[in-house]
Amino acid sequence: MHRLMSVALAMLCALGAPAAAQTRAGEFDYYVLSLSWSPNWCAREGDARNSPQCAPDRDHGWILHGLWPQFHRGWPSYCQTAARPPSRGMTRDMADVMGTGGLAWHQWKKHGTCSGLDAAGYFALSRTAYDRIARPPVFRRLDRAVRLPAKVVEEAFLKANPDIEPDGLTVTCRDGHIHEVRVCLSRDLSPVPCGRDVVRDCQMTDALFTPVR
C-alpha cells in the first residue's frame, strides 16, 4: 500500500512539472490592461489602509492597475527572470498613473517578470498602453455618487475607443462597486479579443460609482 501511494505521488509530481515550465518569462499570448476607478477602491479598502493614493490632492480617476501577460487560457505570474528588479525611484515614478510606487513594485513582481522585458521596458510599455486608451471624461465630471448599470461604463469606453470591439473589453464589479475596466491588447498594443477567462462582464444594473475626490 505504501509503495502504491509513493508511486501515485511521484506521478502527480511529474504531471505538475510541465505547468511550472509554462511560466517562463516572455511566453504569453496577449496583454490585459487593467484600469481601476481609484475613488471606488479607496471607498472599499484604500481609506482603511490610509493609502496615499486616496489623498484628496492626488485627484486620481482611472489608474493603471497593471499590464498583465495572458495566455488564451490562464495566465503566468511570478516568473523567473534574469532582469534586475526595479529601483525605488523607478517604481516611485509610476505613482502618477498607478497611485503608489508600492503597486508598481507588486505589478512588476507578479506580472512584469513574465513579460520578457526588463523593469524599465515593462513600465514604459505599461505607460504607453495606459496613454493609448481614451478614458471617457464624463466620469470625472460626476459631483456625487451614482448607481448605474455596468454596461454604461462599457459603452462609454467603446465609444471613446472606436477601434476596440465589444469582445475586447470587459467591466468588473466588486462589493457592489464598479471595479475595473480591462482591455485586451496584442504584444504591440493593438486591440484583440479577450479570452474566455478574462471576459467577466459585471451584470449589475445599480453598481455604485463614486466621484473623484
C-alpha atoms as a PDB file:
ATOM      1  CA  MET A   1       0.000   0.000   0.000  1.00  0.00           C
ATOM      2  CA  HIS A   2       2.779   2.432   0.946  1.00  0.00           C
ATOM      3  CA  ARG A   3       4.577   1.627  -2.312  1.00  0.00           C
ATOM      4  CA  LEU A   4       1.418   2.339  -4.326  1.00  0.00           C
ATOM      5  CA  MET A   5       0.972   5.685  -2.568  1.00  0.00           C
ATOM      6  CA  SER A   6       4.579   6.625  -3.297  1.00  0.00           C
ATOM      7  CA  VAL A   7       4.137   5.791  -6.983  1.00  0.00           C
ATOM      8  CA  ALA A   8       0.922   7.828  -7.129  1.00  0.00           C
ATOM      9  CA  LEU A   9       2.615  10.843  -5.532  1.00  0.00           C
ATOM     10  CA  ALA A  10       5.511  10.604  -7.967  1.00  0.00           C
ATOM     11  CA  MET A  11       3.070  10.542 -10.891  1.00  0.00           C
ATOM     12  CA  LEU A  12       1.279  13.633  -9.586  1.00  0.00           C
ATOM     13  CA  CYS A  13       4.586  15.470  -9.236  1.00  0.00           C
ATOM     14  CA  ALA A  14       5.520  14.535 -12.787  1.00  0.00           C
ATOM     15  CA  LEU A  15       2.182  15.774 -14.078  1.00  0.00           C
ATOM     16  CA  GLY A  16       2.703  19.085 -12.275  1.00  0.00           C
ATOM     17  CA  ALA A  17       6.134  19.738 -13.781  1.00  0.00           C
ATOM     18  CA  PRO A  18       5.025  20.973 -17.238  1.00  0.00           C
ATOM     19  CA  ALA A  19       2.719  23.586 -15.687  1.00  0.00           C
ATOM     20  CA  ALA A  20       5.637  25.192 -13.874  1.00  0.00           C
ATOM     21  CA  ALA A  21       7.681  25.205 -17.073  1.00  0.00           C
ATOM     22  CA  GLN A  22       4.976  27.255 -18.800  1.00  0.00           C
ATOM     23  CA  THR A  23       5.700  30.309 -16.648  1.00  0.00           C
ATOM     24  CA  ARG A  24       8.983  31.214 -18.329  1.00  0.00           C
ATOM     25  CA  ALA A  25       9.403  34.932 -18.907  1.00  0.00           C
ATOM     26  CA  GLY A  26       8.220  36.146 -22.298  1.00  0.00           C
ATOM     27  CA  GLU A  27       5.919  33.211 -23.029  1.00  0.00           C
ATOM     28  CA  PHE A  28       2.359  34.518 -23.294  1.00  0.00           C
ATOM     29  CA  ASP A  29      -0.277  35.301 -25.931  1.00  0.00           C
ATOM     30  CA  TYR A  30      -1.519  38.845 -25.259  1.00  0.00           C
ATOM     31  CA  TYR A  31      -1.814  41.544 -22.598  1.00  0.00           C
ATOM     32  CA  VAL A  32      -4.676  42.623 -20.372  1.00  0.00           C
ATOM     33  CA  LEU A  33      -4.575  46.308 -19.485  1.00  0.00           C
ATOM     34  CA  SER A  34      -6.420  46.781 -16.205  1.00  0.00           C
ATOM     35  CA  LEU A  35      -7.802  50.210 -15.297  1.00  0.00           C
ATOM     36  CA  SER A  36      -9.182  50.722 -11.795  1.00  0.00           C
ATOM     37  CA  TRP A  37     -11.515  53.536 -10.718  1.00  0.00           C
ATOM     38  CA  SER A  38      -9.498  54.881  -7.801  1.00  0.00           C
ATOM     39  CA  PRO A  39     -12.333  56.537  -5.788  1.00  0.00           C
ATOM     40  CA  ASN A  40     -14.211  53.234  -5.625  1.00  0.00           C
ATOM     41  CA  TRP A  41     -11.103  51.341  -4.491  1.00  0.00           C
ATOM     42  CA  CYS A  42     -10.468  53.984  -1.852  1.00  0.00           C
ATOM     43  CA  ALA A  43     -14.047  53.745  -0.578  1.00  0.00           C
ATOM     44  CA  ARG A  44     -13.861  49.947  -0.386  1.00  0.00           C
ATOM     45  CA  GLU A  45     -10.402  49.471   1.111  1.00  0.00           C
ATOM     46  CA  GLY A  46      -7.875  52.219   0.374  1.00  0.00           C
ATOM     47  CA  ASP A  47      -9.139  54.626   3.049  1.00  0.00           C
ATOM     48  CA  ALA A  48      -8.902  51.905   5.702  1.00  0.00           C
ATOM     49  CA  ARG A  49      -5.273  51.380   4.673  1.00  0.00           C
ATOM     50  CA  ASN A  50      -4.523  55.119   4.763  1.00  0.00           C
ATOM     51  CA  SER A  51      -3.204  54.747   1.225  1.00  0.00           C
ATOM     52  CA  PRO A  52      -1.597  57.925  -0.159  1.00  0.00           C
ATOM     53  CA  GLN A  53      -3.418  57.105  -3.402  1.00  0.00           C
ATOM     54  CA  CYS A  54      -6.634  58.236  -1.693  1.00  0.00           C
ATOM     55  CA  ALA A  55      -5.455  61.662  -0.551  1.00  0.00           C
ATOM     56  CA  PRO A  56      -7.723  64.411  -1.990  1.00  0.00           C
ATOM     57  CA  ASP A  57      -4.786  66.224  -3.570  1.00  0.00           C
ATOM     58  CA  ARG A  58      -3.995  63.168  -5.732  1.00  0.00           C
ATOM     59  CA  ASP A  59      -7.110  63.655  -7.894  1.00  0.00           C
ATOM     60  CA  HIS A  60      -6.990  60.097  -9.252  1.00  0.00           C
ATOM     61  CA  GLY A  61      -9.689  58.742 -11.552  1.00  0.00           C
ATOM     62  CA  TRP A  62      -8.884  55.731 -13.726  1.00  0.00           C
ATOM     63  CA  ILE A  63      -5.490  54.492 -12.613  1.00  0.00           C
ATOM     64  CA  LEU A  64      -3.308  51.833 -14.182  1.00  0.00           C
ATOM     65  CA  HIS A  65      -3.761  48.719 -12.076  1.00  0.00           C
ATOM     66  CA  GLY A  66      -1.444  46.745 -14.316  1.00  0.00           C
ATOM     67  CA  LEU A  67      -0.433  45.337 -17.683  1.00  0.00           C
ATOM     68  CA  TRP A  68      -0.794  41.564 -17.422  1.00  0.00           C
ATOM     69  CA  PRO A  69       0.683  38.943 -19.758  1.00  0.00           C
ATOM     70  CA  GLN A  70      -2.084  36.476 -20.555  1.00  0.00           C
ATOM     71  CA  PHE A  71      -2.500  33.082 -22.210  1.00  0.00           C
ATOM     72  CA  HIS A  72      -5.589  32.288 -24.270  1.00  0.00           C
ATOM     73  CA  ARG A  73      -6.421  30.092 -21.295  1.00  0.00           C
ATOM     74  CA  GLY A  74      -4.933  31.112 -17.973  1.00  0.00           C
ATOM     75  CA  TRP A  75      -2.024  33.426 -17.231  1.00  0.00           C
ATOM     76  CA  PRO A  76       1.564  33.326 -15.982  1.00  0.00           C
ATOM     77  CA  SER A  77       2.667  35.002 -12.780  1.00  0.00           C
ATOM     78  CA  TYR A  78       5.788  35.423 -10.641  1.00  0.00           C
ATOM     79  CA  CYS A  79       8.048  34.225 -13.455  1.00  0.00           C
ATOM     80  CA  GLN A  80      11.760  33.607 -13.114  1.00  0.00           C
ATOM     81  CA  THR A  81      13.682  36.309 -14.942  1.00  0.00           C
ATOM     82  CA  ALA A  82      17.269  37.442 -15.251  1.00  0.00           C
ATOM     83  CA  ALA A  83      16.099  41.074 -15.296  1.00  0.00           C
ATOM     84  CA  ARG A  84      17.040  43.142 -12.278  1.00  0.00           C
ATOM     85  CA  PRO A  85      14.164  44.346 -10.087  1.00  0.00           C
ATOM     86  CA  PRO A  86      13.162  47.996 -10.439  1.00  0.00           C
ATOM     87  CA  SER A  87      14.772  50.632  -8.271  1.00  0.00           C
ATOM     88  CA  ARG A  88      12.723  52.514  -5.715  1.00  0.00           C
ATOM     89  CA  GLY A  89      12.945  55.598  -7.900  1.00  0.00           C
ATOM     90  CA  MET A  90      11.616  53.662 -10.885  1.00  0.00           C
ATOM     91  CA  THR A  91       8.532  52.462  -9.027  1.00  0.00           C
ATOM     92  CA  ARG A  92       8.009  55.876  -7.434  1.00  0.00           C
ATOM     93  CA  ASP A  93       7.975  57.460 -10.898  1.00  0.00           C
ATOM     94  CA  MET A  94       4.964  55.280 -11.806  1.00  0.00           C
ATOM     95  CA  ALA A  95       2.834  56.624  -8.954  1.00  0.00           C
ATOM     96  CA  ASP A  96       1.290  59.339 -11.130  1.00  0.00           C
ATOM     97  CA  VAL A  97      -0.558  56.701 -13.163  1.00  0.00           C
ATOM     98  CA  MET A  98      -0.572  53.766 -10.718  1.00  0.00           C
ATOM     99  CA  GLY A  99      -1.442  55.549  -7.492  1.00  0.00           C
ATOM    100  CA  THR A 100       1.556  54.350  -5.465  1.00  0.00           C
ATOM    101  CA  GLY A 101       5.046  53.035  -6.007  1.00  0.00           C
ATOM    102  CA  GLY A 102       4.035  50.004  -3.957  1.00  0.00           C
ATOM    103  CA  LEU A 103       1.500  48.973  -6.573  1.00  0.00           C
ATOM    104  CA  ALA A 104       4.116  49.413  -9.298  1.00  0.00           C
ATOM    105  CA  TRP A 105       6.506  47.129  -7.406  1.00  0.00           C
ATOM    106  CA  HIS A 106       3.823  44.479  -6.898  1.00  0.00           C
ATOM    107  CA  GLN A 107       2.824  44.580 -10.573  1.00  0.00           C
ATOM    108  CA  TRP A 108       6.428  44.093 -11.646  1.00  0.00           C
ATOM    109  CA  LYS A 109       6.917  41.169  -9.282  1.00  0.00           C
ATOM    110  CA  LYS A 110       3.693  39.368 -10.236  1.00  0.00           C
ATOM    111  CA  HIS A 111       3.235  40.312 -13.900  1.00  0.00           C
ATOM    112  CA  GLY A 112       6.201  42.275 -15.229  1.00  0.00           C
ATOM    113  CA  THR A 113       8.575  39.386 -14.573  1.00  0.00           C
ATOM    114  CA  CYS A 114       6.547  37.356 -17.096  1.00  0.00           C
ATOM    115  CA  SER A 115       6.728  39.973 -19.869  1.00  0.00           C
ATOM    116  CA  GLY A 116      10.264  39.142 -21.030  1.00  0.00           C
ATOM    117  CA  LEU A 117      11.163  42.822 -20.608  1.00  0.00           C
ATOM    118  CA  ASP A 118      13.410  44.481 -18.082  1.00  0.00           C
ATOM    119  CA  ALA A 119      11.731  46.666 -15.462  1.00  0.00           C
ATOM    120  CA  ALA A 120      12.276  49.923 -17.336  1.00  0.00           C
ATOM    121  CA  GLY A 121      10.876  48.416 -20.535  1.00  0.00           C
ATOM    122  CA  TYR A 122       7.868  46.941 -18.752  1.00  0.00           C
ATOM    123  CA  PHE A 123       6.960  50.210 -17.050  1.00  0.00           C
ATOM    124  CA  ALA A 124       7.455  52.163 -20.284  1.00  0.00           C
ATOM    125  CA  LEU A 125       5.178  49.752 -22.161  1.00  0.00           C
ATOM    126  CA  SER A 126       2.609  49.904 -19.350  1.00  0.00           C
ATOM    127  CA  ARG A 127       2.538  53.694 -19.526  1.00  0.00           C
ATOM    128  CA  THR A 128       2.228  53.629 -23.311  1.00  0.00           C
ATOM    129  CA  ALA A 129      -0.692  51.208 -23.093  1.00  0.00           C
ATOM    130  CA  TYR A 130      -2.366  53.395 -20.461  1.00  0.00           C
ATOM    131  CA  ASP A 131      -1.945  56.500 -22.609  1.00  0.00           C
ATOM    132  CA  ARG A 132      -3.378  54.808 -25.699  1.00  0.00           C
ATOM    133  CA  ILE A 133      -6.726  54.052 -24.098  1.00  0.00           C
ATOM    134  CA  ALA A 134      -9.042  57.055 -24.023  1.00  0.00           C
ATOM    135  CA  ARG A 135     -10.684  57.381 -20.622  1.00  0.00           C
ATOM    136  CA  PRO A 136     -14.129  58.971 -21.030  1.00  0.00           C
ATOM    137  CA  PRO A 137     -14.126  62.383 -19.301  1.00  0.00           C
ATOM    138  CA  VAL A 138     -17.781  62.083 -18.256  1.00  0.00           C
ATOM    139  CA  PHE A 139     -16.815  60.054 -15.193  1.00  0.00           C
ATOM    140  CA  ARG A 140     -14.533  62.779 -13.863  1.00  0.00           C
ATOM    141  CA  ARG A 141     -17.398  65.276 -14.095  1.00  0.00           C
ATOM    142  CA  LEU A 142     -19.534  63.461 -11.530  1.00  0.00           C
ATOM    143  CA  ASP A 143     -20.086  65.530  -8.387  1.00  0.00           C
ATOM    144  CA  ARG A 144     -21.868  62.866  -6.353  1.00  0.00           C
ATOM    145  CA  ALA A 145     -22.060  59.113  -6.068  1.00  0.00           C
ATOM    146  CA  VAL A 146     -24.419  57.455  -8.556  1.00  0.00           C
ATOM    147  CA  ARG A 147     -25.712  53.987  -9.235  1.00  0.00           C
ATOM    148  CA  LEU A 148     -25.583  52.843 -12.821  1.00  0.00           C
ATOM    149  CA  PRO A 149     -25.522  49.704 -14.973  1.00  0.00           C
ATOM    150  CA  ALA A 150     -22.028  48.368 -15.577  1.00  0.00           C
ATOM    151  CA  LYS A 151     -22.998  48.294 -19.248  1.00  0.00           C
ATOM    152  CA  VAL A 152     -22.986  52.110 -19.255  1.00  0.00           C
ATOM    153  CA  VAL A 153     -19.281  52.134 -18.344  1.00  0.00           C
ATOM    154  CA  GLU A 154     -18.508  49.599 -21.070  1.00  0.00           C
ATOM    155  CA  GLU A 155     -20.416  51.575 -23.702  1.00  0.00           C
ATOM    156  CA  ALA A 156     -18.660  54.810 -22.714  1.00  0.00           C
ATOM    157  CA  PHE A 157     -15.239  53.206 -23.192  1.00  0.00           C
ATOM    158  CA  LEU A 158     -16.227  51.628 -26.506  1.00  0.00           C
ATOM    159  CA  LYS A 159     -17.493  54.983 -27.784  1.00  0.00           C
ATOM    160  CA  ALA A 160     -14.263  56.720 -26.710  1.00  0.00           C
ATOM    161  CA  ASN A 161     -12.154  53.948 -28.296  1.00  0.00           C
ATOM    162  CA  PRO A 162     -13.851  53.016 -31.594  1.00  0.00           C
ATOM    163  CA  ASP A 163     -11.037  50.623 -32.569  1.00  0.00           C
ATOM    164  CA  ILE A 164     -11.928  48.329 -29.642  1.00  0.00           C
ATOM    165  CA  GLU A 165     -14.606  45.716 -30.297  1.00  0.00           C
ATOM    166  CA  PRO A 166     -17.095  44.708 -27.582  1.00  0.00           C
ATOM    167  CA  ASP A 167     -15.319  41.374 -27.113  1.00  0.00           C
ATOM    168  CA  GLY A 168     -12.034  43.188 -26.462  1.00  0.00           C
ATOM    169  CA  LEU A 169     -13.138  44.893 -23.261  1.00  0.00           C
ATOM    170  CA  THR A 170     -14.833  43.872 -20.022  1.00  0.00           C
ATOM    171  CA  VAL A 171     -16.065  45.706 -16.926  1.00  0.00           C
ATOM    172  CA  THR A 172     -15.859  44.077 -13.494  1.00  0.00           C
ATOM    173  CA  CYS A 173     -17.604  44.854 -10.200  1.00  0.00           C
ATOM    174  CA  ARG A 174     -16.627  44.184  -6.604  1.00  0.00           C
ATOM    175  CA  ASP A 175     -18.565  44.680  -3.375  1.00  0.00           C
ATOM    176  CA  GLY A 176     -21.345  46.449  -5.269  1.00  0.00           C
ATOM    177  CA  HIS A 177     -18.974  48.973  -6.906  1.00  0.00           C
ATOM    178  CA  ILE A 178     -17.681  49.351 -10.442  1.00  0.00           C
ATOM    179  CA  HIS A 179     -14.214  47.866 -10.032  1.00  0.00           C
ATOM    180  CA  GLU A 180     -12.166  47.752 -13.243  1.00  0.00           C
ATOM    181  CA  VAL A 181     -12.186  48.123 -16.994  1.00  0.00           C
ATOM    182  CA  ARG A 182      -9.972  45.500 -18.644  1.00  0.00           C
ATOM    183  CA  VAL A 183      -8.809  45.913 -22.221  1.00  0.00           C
ATOM    184  CA  CYS A 184      -7.172  43.118 -24.215  1.00  0.00           C
ATOM    185  CA  LEU A 185      -4.161  44.110 -26.304  1.00  0.00           C
ATOM    186  CA  SER A 186      -1.638  42.354 -28.514  1.00  0.00           C
ATOM    187  CA  ARG A 187       2.075  42.456 -27.794  1.00  0.00           C
ATOM    188  CA  ASP A 188       2.272  45.612 -29.926  1.00  0.00           C
ATOM    189  CA  LEU A 189      -0.728  47.045 -28.010  1.00  0.00           C
ATOM    190  CA  SER A 190      -3.312  46.640 -30.769  1.00  0.00           C
ATOM    191  CA  PRO A 191      -6.831  45.706 -29.574  1.00  0.00           C
ATOM    192  CA  VAL A 192      -7.584  41.967 -29.662  1.00  0.00           C
ATOM    193  CA  PRO A 193     -10.473  39.785 -28.450  1.00  0.00           C
ATOM    194  CA  CYS A 194     -10.311  38.717 -24.815  1.00  0.00           C
ATOM    195  CA  GLY A 195     -10.083  35.083 -23.818  1.00  0.00           C
ATOM    196  CA  ARG A 196     -12.982  33.380 -22.058  1.00  0.00           C
ATOM    197  CA  ASP A 197     -11.351  33.561 -18.647  1.00  0.00           C
ATOM    198  CA  VAL A 198     -10.894  37.338 -18.965  1.00  0.00           C
ATOM    199  CA  VAL A 199     -14.434  38.233 -20.018  1.00  0.00           C
ATOM    200  CA  ARG A 200     -16.265  38.573 -16.716  1.00  0.00           C
ATOM    201  CA  ASP A 201     -18.796  41.246 -17.579  1.00  0.00           C
ATOM    202  CA  CYS A 202     -20.484  42.649 -14.496  1.00  0.00           C
ATOM    203  CA  GLN A 203     -24.245  42.221 -14.817  1.00  0.00           C
ATOM    204  CA  MET A 204     -25.173  44.746 -12.126  1.00  0.00           C
ATOM    205  CA  THR A 205     -27.705  47.410 -13.068  1.00  0.00           C
ATOM    206  CA  ASP A 206     -27.128  49.537  -9.945  1.00  0.00           C
ATOM    207  CA  ALA A 207     -23.368  49.427  -9.338  1.00  0.00           C
ATOM    208  CA  LEU A 208     -22.026  52.233  -7.182  1.00  0.00           C
ATOM    209  CA  PHE A 209     -19.747  54.803  -8.831  1.00  0.00           C
ATOM    210  CA  THR A 210     -18.214  57.459  -6.585  1.00  0.00           C
ATOM    211  CA  PRO A 211     -16.806  60.794  -7.791  1.00  0.00           C
ATOM    212  CA  VAL A 212     -13.191  61.941  -7.942  1.00  0.00           C
ATOM    213  CA  ARG A 213     -12.207  63.464  -4.610  1.00  0.00           C
END
